N, C-alpha and C. Protein backbone atom coordinates (compact mmCIF):
# COMPACT_ATOMS: atom_id res chain seq x y z
N MET A 1 1.09 -0.99 0.13
CA MET A 1 -0.05 0.17 -0.21
C MET A 1 0.97 1.26 -0.29
N ARG A 2 0.98 1.98 -0.95
CA ARG A 2 1.51 3.03 -1.38
C ARG A 2 0.24 4.15 -1.36
N ILE A 3 0.98 5.42 0.01
CA ILE A 3 0.27 6.59 -0.24
C ILE A 3 1.06 8.02 0.07
N VAL A 4 0.48 8.39 -0.81
CA VAL A 4 1.06 9.66 -0.91
C VAL A 4 0.29 11.43 -0.15
N ALA A 5 0.78 12.38 -0.15
CA ALA A 5 0.30 13.56 0.24
C ALA A 5 0.09 14.45 -0.69
N LEU A 6 0.01 15.01 -1.62
CA LEU A 6 0.47 16.17 -2.37
C LEU A 6 -0.33 17.22 -2.58
N VAL A 7 0.78 17.95 -1.84
CA VAL A 7 0.63 19.69 -0.80
C VAL A 7 1.16 20.57 -2.51
N ILE A 8 -0.23 20.94 -2.27
CA ILE A 8 -0.61 21.62 -3.73
C ILE A 8 -0.22 23.12 -2.73
N SER A 9 1.33 23.88 -3.56
CA SER A 9 0.63 26.29 -2.63
C SER A 9 2.19 26.05 -3.18
N ASP A 10 1.94 27.37 -3.57
CA ASP A 10 3.42 28.36 -4.35
C ASP A 10 4.30 28.15 -3.43
N ARG A 11 3.86 29.13 -2.09
CA ARG A 11 3.87 29.54 -1.05
C ARG A 11 4.70 28.41 -0.58
N ALA A 12 4.53 27.13 0.19
CA ALA A 12 5.59 25.85 0.16
C ALA A 12 6.55 25.79 -0.22
N SER A 13 6.18 25.51 -1.97
CA SER A 13 7.41 24.54 -2.52
C SER A 13 8.23 25.66 -3.28
N ARG A 14 7.75 27.11 -3.01
CA ARG A 14 9.26 27.63 -2.38
C ARG A 14 9.62 28.35 -1.26
N GLY A 15 10.13 27.51 -0.32
CA GLY A 15 10.50 27.45 1.43
C GLY A 15 9.91 28.66 1.50
N GLU A 16 8.03 29.64 1.41
CA GLU A 16 8.63 30.67 2.34
C GLU A 16 7.36 30.57 3.35
N TYR A 17 6.76 29.21 3.64
CA TYR A 17 6.06 28.93 4.45
C TYR A 17 5.92 27.52 4.08
N GLU A 18 6.35 27.14 5.67
CA GLU A 18 6.26 25.97 6.32
C GLU A 18 4.68 25.33 6.26
N ASP A 19 4.68 24.01 5.61
CA ASP A 19 3.57 23.14 4.75
C ASP A 19 3.06 22.78 6.41
N LYS A 20 2.08 22.52 7.31
CA LYS A 20 1.06 21.84 7.98
C LYS A 20 -0.05 20.44 7.26
N GLY A 21 -0.27 20.65 6.67
CA GLY A 21 -1.03 19.72 5.68
C GLY A 21 -0.38 18.56 5.70
N GLY A 22 0.75 17.99 4.67
CA GLY A 22 1.06 17.34 4.89
C GLY A 22 1.34 16.16 5.71
N PRO A 23 1.97 17.46 7.20
CA PRO A 23 1.88 16.24 8.47
C PRO A 23 0.76 15.69 8.80
N ALA A 24 -0.41 16.88 8.76
CA ALA A 24 -1.10 16.39 9.53
C ALA A 24 -1.90 15.62 8.47
N ILE A 25 -2.38 15.41 7.25
CA ILE A 25 -2.60 14.04 6.46
C ILE A 25 -1.84 12.62 7.32
N GLU A 26 -0.31 12.40 7.10
CA GLU A 26 0.75 11.44 7.68
C GLU A 26 0.40 11.40 9.31
N ALA A 27 -0.39 12.64 10.22
CA ALA A 27 0.01 12.37 12.26
C ALA A 27 -1.82 11.18 11.60
N TRP A 28 -2.32 11.89 10.90
CA TRP A 28 -4.03 11.14 10.88
C TRP A 28 -3.88 9.84 10.50
N LEU A 29 -3.09 9.57 9.06
CA LEU A 29 -3.28 8.39 8.60
C LEU A 29 -2.27 6.72 9.15
N LYS A 30 -1.09 7.90 9.93
CA LYS A 30 -0.88 7.01 11.28
C LYS A 30 -1.77 6.15 12.30
N SER A 31 -2.28 7.18 12.76
CA SER A 31 -3.38 6.88 13.54
C SER A 31 -4.96 6.31 13.49
N ALA A 32 -5.32 5.98 12.18
CA ALA A 32 -6.10 5.61 11.41
C ALA A 32 -5.87 3.73 11.05
N ILE A 33 -4.92 4.09 9.81
CA ILE A 33 -4.36 3.05 9.34
C ILE A 33 -3.70 1.65 10.44
N VAL A 34 -4.05 0.33 10.68
CA VAL A 34 -3.30 -0.26 11.07
C VAL A 34 -2.90 -2.04 10.34
N SER A 35 -2.73 -1.87 8.92
CA SER A 35 -2.39 -2.88 8.10
C SER A 35 -0.75 -1.72 7.64
N PRO A 36 0.00 -2.27 6.72
CA PRO A 36 0.92 -1.23 6.48
C PRO A 36 1.17 -1.00 6.03
N PHE A 37 1.84 0.43 5.58
CA PHE A 37 1.51 1.19 4.42
C PHE A 37 2.91 2.06 4.13
N ASP A 38 3.71 2.69 3.11
CA ASP A 38 4.42 3.48 2.81
C ASP A 38 3.73 4.96 2.22
N PHE A 39 4.36 6.25 2.89
CA PHE A 39 3.71 7.75 2.92
C PHE A 39 4.76 8.42 2.61
N ALA A 40 4.04 8.91 1.42
CA ALA A 40 5.55 10.37 1.45
C ALA A 40 4.92 11.44 0.71
N ILE A 41 5.27 12.71 1.31
CA ILE A 41 5.14 14.10 1.07
C ILE A 41 5.52 14.81 0.19
N ARG A 42 5.15 15.38 -1.61
CA ARG A 42 5.41 15.84 -1.97
C ARG A 42 4.57 17.54 -1.97
N ILE A 43 5.72 18.62 -2.17
CA ILE A 43 4.70 18.95 -2.29
C ILE A 43 5.51 20.27 -3.80
N ILE A 44 4.16 20.59 -4.49
CA ILE A 44 4.43 21.01 -6.13
C ILE A 44 4.08 22.51 -5.74
N PRO A 45 3.73 23.26 -6.62
CA PRO A 45 3.02 25.09 -6.50
C PRO A 45 2.18 24.09 -7.46
N ASP A 46 1.01 25.57 -7.02
CA ASP A 46 -0.48 25.91 -7.78
C ASP A 46 -0.21 25.29 -9.35
N GLY A 47 -1.30 25.74 -9.63
CA GLY A 47 -1.77 25.67 -10.93
C GLY A 47 -2.12 24.16 -11.37
N ARG A 48 -2.55 24.00 -12.37
CA ARG A 48 -3.91 23.08 -13.90
C ARG A 48 -1.91 22.67 -13.67
N ASP A 49 -1.60 22.99 -15.10
CA ASP A 49 -0.31 22.15 -15.38
C ASP A 49 0.65 21.06 -14.71
N SER A 50 0.73 22.06 -13.86
CA SER A 50 1.85 21.47 -12.04
C SER A 50 1.17 19.87 -11.54
N VAL A 51 -0.58 20.94 -11.13
CA VAL A 51 -1.27 19.12 -10.13
C VAL A 51 -1.63 18.36 -11.82
N ALA A 52 -1.72 18.74 -12.28
CA ALA A 52 -1.97 17.02 -13.55
C ALA A 52 -0.67 16.42 -14.37
N SER A 53 0.35 17.27 -13.90
CA SER A 53 1.30 16.14 -13.87
C SER A 53 1.89 15.90 -12.70
N ALA A 54 1.69 16.19 -12.16
CA ALA A 54 1.81 15.80 -10.94
C ALA A 54 1.36 14.04 -10.77
N LEU A 55 0.13 14.50 -10.59
CA LEU A 55 -0.70 13.56 -10.19
C LEU A 55 -1.01 11.75 -11.63
N LEU A 56 -1.16 12.56 -12.75
CA LEU A 56 -0.11 11.22 -13.48
C LEU A 56 1.26 10.49 -13.23
N ALA A 57 1.91 11.48 -13.17
CA ALA A 57 2.90 10.33 -12.49
C ALA A 57 2.88 9.56 -11.23
N LEU A 58 2.20 9.92 -10.32
CA LEU A 58 1.55 9.50 -8.60
C LEU A 58 1.22 7.48 -9.19
N CYS A 59 -0.26 8.28 -10.20
CA CYS A 59 -0.70 7.25 -10.73
C CYS A 59 0.05 6.36 -11.98
N SER A 60 0.18 6.79 -12.82
CA SER A 60 1.29 6.00 -13.54
C SER A 60 2.50 5.50 -13.14
N THR A 61 3.80 6.38 -12.50
CA THR A 61 4.79 5.93 -12.82
C THR A 61 5.30 5.20 -11.66
N ASP A 62 4.51 5.88 -10.23
CA ASP A 62 4.83 5.81 -9.42
C ASP A 62 3.67 4.56 -7.98
N ARG A 63 3.13 4.41 -9.18
CA ARG A 63 1.39 3.70 -9.19
C ARG A 63 1.09 3.55 -7.06
N ALA A 64 0.74 4.85 -7.51
CA ALA A 64 -0.11 5.31 -5.98
C ALA A 64 -1.04 4.70 -5.95
N ASP A 65 -1.92 3.83 -4.67
CA ASP A 65 -2.79 3.61 -3.81
C ASP A 65 -3.98 4.78 -3.44
N LEU A 66 -3.45 5.51 -2.93
CA LEU A 66 -4.21 6.66 -2.75
C LEU A 66 -3.09 7.45 -2.48
N VAL A 67 -3.85 8.99 -3.36
CA VAL A 67 -3.14 10.30 -3.17
C VAL A 67 -4.20 10.96 -2.99
N LEU A 68 -4.15 11.79 -1.75
CA LEU A 68 -4.10 13.04 -1.07
C LEU A 68 -4.03 13.86 -1.04
N THR A 69 -4.50 14.87 -1.61
CA THR A 69 -3.88 16.73 -2.20
C THR A 69 -4.47 17.58 -0.99
N THR A 70 -3.42 18.27 -0.96
CA THR A 70 -4.23 19.76 -0.27
C THR A 70 -4.17 20.83 -0.69
N GLY A 71 -5.03 22.02 -0.42
CA GLY A 71 -5.30 23.23 -1.78
C GLY A 71 -5.18 23.32 -2.49
N GLY A 72 -5.63 24.11 -3.46
CA GLY A 72 -5.80 24.35 -4.68
C GLY A 72 -7.26 24.21 -4.70
N THR A 73 -7.76 24.24 -4.04
CA THR A 73 -9.96 23.83 -3.97
C THR A 73 -10.49 25.26 -4.32
N GLY A 74 -10.24 26.54 -3.84
CA GLY A 74 -10.58 27.46 -3.36
C GLY A 74 -11.22 28.17 -4.92
N PRO A 75 -11.25 29.41 -4.29
CA PRO A 75 -11.60 30.43 -5.64
C PRO A 75 -10.62 31.35 -6.49
N SER A 76 -9.22 31.25 -5.24
CA SER A 76 -8.46 32.04 -5.87
C SER A 76 -8.08 31.57 -7.93
N PRO A 77 -7.28 32.73 -7.94
CA PRO A 77 -6.81 32.74 -9.19
C PRO A 77 -5.96 30.67 -9.79
N ARG A 78 -5.19 31.22 -8.65
CA ARG A 78 -3.94 30.19 -8.68
C ARG A 78 -4.42 28.78 -8.17
N ASP A 79 -6.20 28.41 -8.08
CA ASP A 79 -6.55 27.11 -7.07
C ASP A 79 -6.80 26.51 -8.81
N GLU A 80 -6.05 25.89 -9.20
CA GLU A 80 -7.06 24.72 -10.06
C GLU A 80 -6.69 23.55 -9.92
N THR A 81 -6.72 22.84 -8.64
CA THR A 81 -6.88 21.76 -8.37
C THR A 81 -8.07 21.02 -8.62
N PRO A 82 -9.41 21.77 -8.94
CA PRO A 82 -10.24 20.19 -9.30
C PRO A 82 -10.02 20.97 -11.26
N GLU A 83 -10.01 20.92 -11.73
CA GLU A 83 -9.51 21.11 -13.29
C GLU A 83 -8.60 20.24 -13.44
N ALA A 84 -7.21 20.56 -12.70
CA ALA A 84 -7.02 19.16 -12.67
C ALA A 84 -6.67 17.76 -12.30
N MET A 85 -7.69 17.65 -11.26
CA MET A 85 -8.68 16.58 -11.62
C MET A 85 -9.11 16.47 -12.65
N ALA A 86 -9.94 16.99 -12.98
CA ALA A 86 -10.52 16.54 -14.70
C ALA A 86 -9.82 16.29 -15.44
N ASP A 87 -8.84 16.68 -15.61
CA ASP A 87 -7.57 15.96 -16.99
C ASP A 87 -7.84 14.71 -16.79
N VAL A 88 -7.29 14.33 -15.25
CA VAL A 88 -6.59 12.96 -14.88
C VAL A 88 -7.78 12.09 -14.67
N ILE A 89 -8.88 12.03 -13.96
CA ILE A 89 -9.50 10.81 -13.72
C ILE A 89 -10.28 10.09 -14.58
N GLU A 90 -10.76 9.29 -14.75
CA GLU A 90 -11.54 9.09 -15.27
C GLU A 90 -12.57 7.76 -15.29
N LYS A 91 -12.60 8.39 -13.78
CA LYS A 91 -14.26 8.84 -12.93
C LYS A 91 -14.36 9.87 -12.16
N GLU A 92 -14.48 10.10 -11.65
CA GLU A 92 -15.10 11.64 -10.70
C GLU A 92 -16.27 11.03 -9.17
N LEU A 93 -16.26 10.79 -8.19
CA LEU A 93 -16.82 10.18 -7.10
C LEU A 93 -17.24 11.69 -6.57
N PRO A 94 -17.87 12.34 -6.66
CA PRO A 94 -18.31 13.70 -6.37
C PRO A 94 -19.44 12.91 -4.45
N GLY A 95 -19.27 11.94 -4.66
CA GLY A 95 -19.96 12.47 -2.83
C GLY A 95 -18.94 12.54 -2.25
N PHE A 96 -17.59 12.53 -2.58
CA PHE A 96 -16.75 12.51 -1.49
C PHE A 96 -17.08 14.47 -1.53
N GLY A 97 -16.82 15.49 -2.01
CA GLY A 97 -16.94 16.17 -2.43
C GLY A 97 -18.18 17.37 -1.77
N GLU A 98 -18.81 16.72 -1.88
CA GLU A 98 -20.73 17.00 -1.36
C GLU A 98 -19.92 16.65 -0.24
N LEU A 99 -19.60 15.54 1.06
CA LEU A 99 -19.19 15.05 2.47
C LEU A 99 -18.94 15.84 2.76
N MET A 100 -17.26 16.35 2.30
CA MET A 100 -16.55 16.99 3.40
C MET A 100 -17.02 18.76 3.11
N ARG A 101 -17.30 18.82 1.92
CA ARG A 101 -18.55 20.59 2.30
C ARG A 101 -19.62 20.48 3.38
N LYS A 102 -20.60 19.20 3.85
CA LYS A 102 -21.36 19.40 4.55
C LYS A 102 -20.74 19.12 5.90
N LYS A 103 -19.70 18.36 6.41
CA LYS A 103 -18.97 18.13 7.27
C LYS A 103 -18.77 19.39 8.15
N SER A 104 -17.37 19.91 6.58
CA SER A 104 -16.96 21.29 6.94
C SER A 104 -18.18 22.38 6.82
N LEU A 105 -18.54 22.39 6.49
CA LEU A 105 -19.89 23.99 7.20
C LEU A 105 -20.91 23.74 9.04
N GLU A 106 -20.41 22.93 9.07
CA GLU A 106 -20.81 22.31 10.51
C GLU A 106 -19.89 23.60 11.29
N GLU A 107 -18.39 23.97 10.32
CA GLU A 107 -17.67 23.86 11.51
C GLU A 107 -17.51 25.49 11.41
N VAL A 108 -17.10 25.80 9.46
CA VAL A 108 -16.63 27.42 9.10
C VAL A 108 -17.92 27.53 8.07
N PRO A 109 -18.36 28.70 7.70
CA PRO A 109 -19.09 29.30 7.09
C PRO A 109 -18.67 29.52 5.87
N THR A 110 -16.88 29.19 5.07
CA THR A 110 -16.49 29.50 3.93
C THR A 110 -16.16 28.40 3.47
N ALA A 111 -16.58 27.10 4.15
CA ALA A 111 -16.28 25.96 3.16
C ALA A 111 -17.32 25.17 1.94
N ILE A 112 -18.08 26.53 1.56
CA ILE A 112 -19.30 26.45 0.23
C ILE A 112 -18.31 27.14 -0.12
N LEU A 113 -17.16 27.59 -0.24
CA LEU A 113 -16.34 28.18 -1.46
C LEU A 113 -14.86 27.28 -1.91
N SER A 114 -14.79 25.51 -0.59
CA SER A 114 -14.18 24.88 -1.51
C SER A 114 -14.66 23.69 -2.39
N ARG A 115 -14.15 23.72 -3.57
CA ARG A 115 -14.32 22.85 -4.89
C ARG A 115 -14.40 21.01 -4.97
N GLN A 116 -13.22 21.08 -3.45
CA GLN A 116 -12.95 19.34 -3.16
C GLN A 116 -13.79 18.29 -4.30
N THR A 117 -13.30 17.53 -4.72
CA THR A 117 -13.40 16.85 -5.18
C THR A 117 -12.71 14.73 -5.10
N ALA A 118 -13.45 13.79 -5.30
CA ALA A 118 -11.99 12.83 -5.53
C ALA A 118 -12.69 11.89 -6.76
N GLY A 119 -11.92 11.01 -6.91
CA GLY A 119 -11.96 10.52 -8.40
C GLY A 119 -11.16 9.02 -8.11
N VAL A 120 -11.23 8.33 -9.61
CA VAL A 120 -10.47 7.06 -9.80
C VAL A 120 -9.49 7.66 -10.84
N ARG A 121 -7.96 6.66 -11.33
CA ARG A 121 -7.16 6.90 -12.42
C ARG A 121 -6.91 6.03 -12.41
N GLY A 122 -7.47 4.87 -13.26
CA GLY A 122 -6.32 3.08 -13.11
C GLY A 122 -7.37 3.01 -11.48
N THR A 123 -5.85 2.42 -10.73
CA THR A 123 -6.14 1.74 -9.71
C THR A 123 -5.91 2.62 -7.69
N THR A 124 -5.36 3.61 -8.56
CA THR A 124 -5.60 5.32 -7.72
C THR A 124 -6.68 5.73 -7.99
N LEU A 125 -7.01 5.85 -6.24
CA LEU A 125 -7.96 6.30 -5.69
C LEU A 125 -7.56 8.16 -5.11
N ILE A 126 -7.86 9.22 -6.23
CA ILE A 126 -7.33 10.01 -5.73
C ILE A 126 -8.38 11.68 -4.74
N VAL A 127 -8.37 11.70 -4.16
CA VAL A 127 -8.92 12.31 -2.48
C VAL A 127 -8.63 13.79 -2.67
N ASN A 128 -9.55 14.82 -2.43
CA ASN A 128 -8.73 16.73 -2.67
C ASN A 128 -9.24 16.77 -0.89
N LEU A 129 -8.88 17.74 -0.80
CA LEU A 129 -8.78 17.93 1.45
C LEU A 129 -8.44 19.26 1.40
N PRO A 130 -8.74 20.20 2.27
CA PRO A 130 -8.51 21.86 2.08
C PRO A 130 -6.88 21.45 3.05
N GLY A 131 -6.88 22.66 3.27
CA GLY A 131 -5.05 22.97 3.39
C GLY A 131 -4.62 22.62 5.05
N LYS A 132 -5.49 23.51 6.19
CA LYS A 132 -6.12 23.29 7.12
C LYS A 132 -5.78 22.74 7.86
N PRO A 133 -5.15 22.07 8.76
CA PRO A 133 -4.59 21.19 9.93
C PRO A 133 -6.28 20.51 10.27
N ALA A 134 -6.91 21.21 10.86
CA ALA A 134 -8.26 20.82 11.49
C ALA A 134 -9.70 20.45 10.48
N SER A 135 -9.38 21.12 9.93
CA SER A 135 -10.92 20.82 8.53
C SER A 135 -9.54 19.16 7.71
N ILE A 136 -8.44 19.51 7.44
CA ILE A 136 -8.11 18.26 6.70
C ILE A 136 -8.34 17.37 8.69
N ARG A 137 -8.88 17.06 9.41
CA ARG A 137 -8.72 15.62 10.20
C ARG A 137 -10.46 15.26 9.79
N THR A 138 -11.23 17.00 9.87
CA THR A 138 -13.05 16.96 9.39
C THR A 138 -13.04 16.01 8.92
N CYS A 139 -12.59 16.27 7.28
CA CYS A 139 -12.93 15.75 6.37
C CYS A 139 -12.35 13.93 6.28
N LEU A 140 -11.06 13.64 6.56
CA LEU A 140 -11.35 11.87 6.50
C LEU A 140 -11.90 11.77 7.99
N ASP A 141 -12.02 11.89 8.52
CA ASP A 141 -13.16 11.96 9.84
C ASP A 141 -14.69 10.93 9.28
N ALA A 142 -14.82 11.98 8.30
CA ALA A 142 -16.21 11.52 7.38
C ALA A 142 -16.14 10.99 6.21
N VAL A 143 -15.16 10.19 5.14
CA VAL A 143 -15.56 10.52 3.80
C VAL A 143 -14.14 8.68 4.16
N PHE A 144 -13.44 8.61 5.08
CA PHE A 144 -12.59 7.84 5.05
C PHE A 144 -13.07 6.38 5.40
N PRO A 145 -13.79 6.25 6.29
CA PRO A 145 -15.07 4.96 6.31
C PRO A 145 -15.53 4.30 4.74
N ALA A 146 -15.32 5.21 3.41
CA ALA A 146 -15.70 4.47 2.52
C ALA A 146 -13.96 4.14 1.79
N ILE A 147 -13.31 4.81 2.22
CA ILE A 147 -11.19 4.28 1.15
C ILE A 147 -11.86 2.93 1.34
N PRO A 148 -11.57 2.44 2.23
CA PRO A 148 -10.94 1.11 2.17
C PRO A 148 -11.19 0.66 0.87
N TYR A 149 -13.35 0.43 1.13
CA TYR A 149 -13.61 0.19 0.60
C TYR A 149 -13.35 0.01 -1.07
N CYS A 150 -13.28 1.48 -1.61
CA CYS A 150 -13.51 2.46 -2.97
C CYS A 150 -12.05 1.17 -2.93
N LEU A 151 -10.76 1.19 -2.27
CA LEU A 151 -9.52 0.90 -2.62
C LEU A 151 -9.62 -0.09 -3.11
N ASP A 152 -10.42 -1.41 -2.79
CA ASP A 152 -11.09 -2.60 -2.82
C ASP A 152 -11.51 -2.81 -3.99
N LEU A 153 -12.63 -1.97 -5.00
CA LEU A 153 -13.41 -2.39 -5.54
C LEU A 153 -12.19 -2.10 -7.12
N ILE A 154 -11.87 -1.01 -7.02
CA ILE A 154 -10.35 -0.52 -7.72
C ILE A 154 -9.37 -1.56 -7.92
N GLY A 155 -9.08 -2.65 -7.21
CA GLY A 155 -7.59 -3.34 -7.47
C GLY A 155 -6.22 -2.35 -6.57
N ALA A 156 -6.92 -1.59 -5.61
CA ALA A 156 -5.29 -0.90 -4.98
C ALA A 156 -4.73 -1.89 -3.90
N GLY A 157 -4.67 -1.26 -3.71
CA GLY A 157 -4.20 -2.29 -1.71
C GLY A 157 -5.41 -2.42 -1.39
N ARG A 158 -5.36 -3.25 0.18
CA ARG A 158 -6.15 -3.40 1.45
C ARG A 158 -5.65 -2.20 2.24
N ILE A 159 -6.33 -1.52 3.03
CA ILE A 159 -6.25 -1.46 3.89
C ILE A 159 -7.19 -1.10 5.18
N GLU A 160 -6.46 -1.29 6.43
CA GLU A 160 -7.05 -2.09 7.62
C GLU A 160 -7.53 -0.51 8.64
N THR A 161 -8.08 -0.63 9.17
CA THR A 161 -8.56 0.72 10.80
C THR A 161 -8.17 -0.04 11.71
N ASP A 162 -8.20 0.62 12.20
CA ASP A 162 -8.48 1.11 13.91
C ASP A 162 -10.36 1.28 14.09
N ARG A 163 -10.59 0.83 14.58
CA ARG A 163 -11.62 0.66 14.68
C ARG A 163 -11.73 2.55 15.39
N ALA A 164 -11.30 1.84 16.92
CA ALA A 164 -10.91 3.36 17.98
C ALA A 164 -11.31 4.43 16.67
N VAL A 165 -10.38 4.60 15.85
CA VAL A 165 -10.83 5.83 14.86
C VAL A 165 -11.41 6.14 14.00
N VAL A 166 -11.95 5.26 13.18
CA VAL A 166 -12.27 5.15 11.59
C VAL A 166 -12.95 3.92 11.15
N GLU A 167 -14.29 3.16 11.66
CA GLU A 167 -14.70 1.89 11.27
C GLU A 167 -14.80 2.31 9.19
N ALA A 168 -14.49 1.30 8.57
CA ALA A 168 -14.12 1.09 7.18
C ALA A 168 -15.60 0.06 7.01
N PHE A 169 -16.19 0.33 6.39
CA PHE A 169 -17.25 0.13 6.12
C PHE A 169 -17.18 -0.54 4.69
N ARG A 170 -16.85 -2.28 4.44
CA ARG A 170 -17.29 -3.16 3.44
C ARG A 170 -18.54 -3.95 3.51
N PRO A 171 -18.85 -3.89 2.75
CA PRO A 171 -20.44 -4.67 2.51
C PRO A 171 -20.13 -5.80 3.20
N GLY A 172 -21.54 -6.62 3.78
CA GLY A 172 -20.90 -8.26 4.39
C GLY A 172 -20.01 -8.36 5.06
N GLN A 173 -19.41 -7.41 6.26
CA GLN A 173 -17.84 -7.54 7.19
C GLN A 173 -19.36 -7.12 8.51
C-alpha cells in the first residue's frame, strides 16, 4: 500500500511557508490505519499543469494506491486542483466533495467556497482535502470509512483501520 500526500502550494513549494497539511495527513493516517503502508509527502506549486503532471506521475509511474491532495481547491486564480483532477481522472466520485463540504460547513461558513472532489485513475484513488490541519481531520473523519472499500473495488492495495479511530465499511462484514 502506497499513500502520497500531494501538497499544492506556491509558497510551500518555494520554501516561504512551512507546510502543515502533509504532516497533518500523515499523523491522521498513522492513527487510523493498522495495516502496513508506505507514505510520502510531495510539495508542488499551484496550477493546473503542475498538479495534473504530478497526479499523472503518482498514478502511472509511482503507482500510488491513494493520493490525498491538500490545497488548490478554493476560488482564487491559482487554485486549479479541481481542473487538474478533471484532466487526469477516469471516474469522478463527487460524493466525497459533497460530504466534506457538508461536514466542514458545520465548523466554518467559508467551507462553501471549497471545490473538493475525488476520482479514480486506474488503480489510484485521488481525494482532494482542504489545507488546514483541523479541516483535514474533519474531512478524513467523514470520508475515510468509504476509502478502504473503494480501494478494494478499483484493485488497489488493502487498508485495515483501527475501529476506535475510523471504522471502514465493507458490505457483508
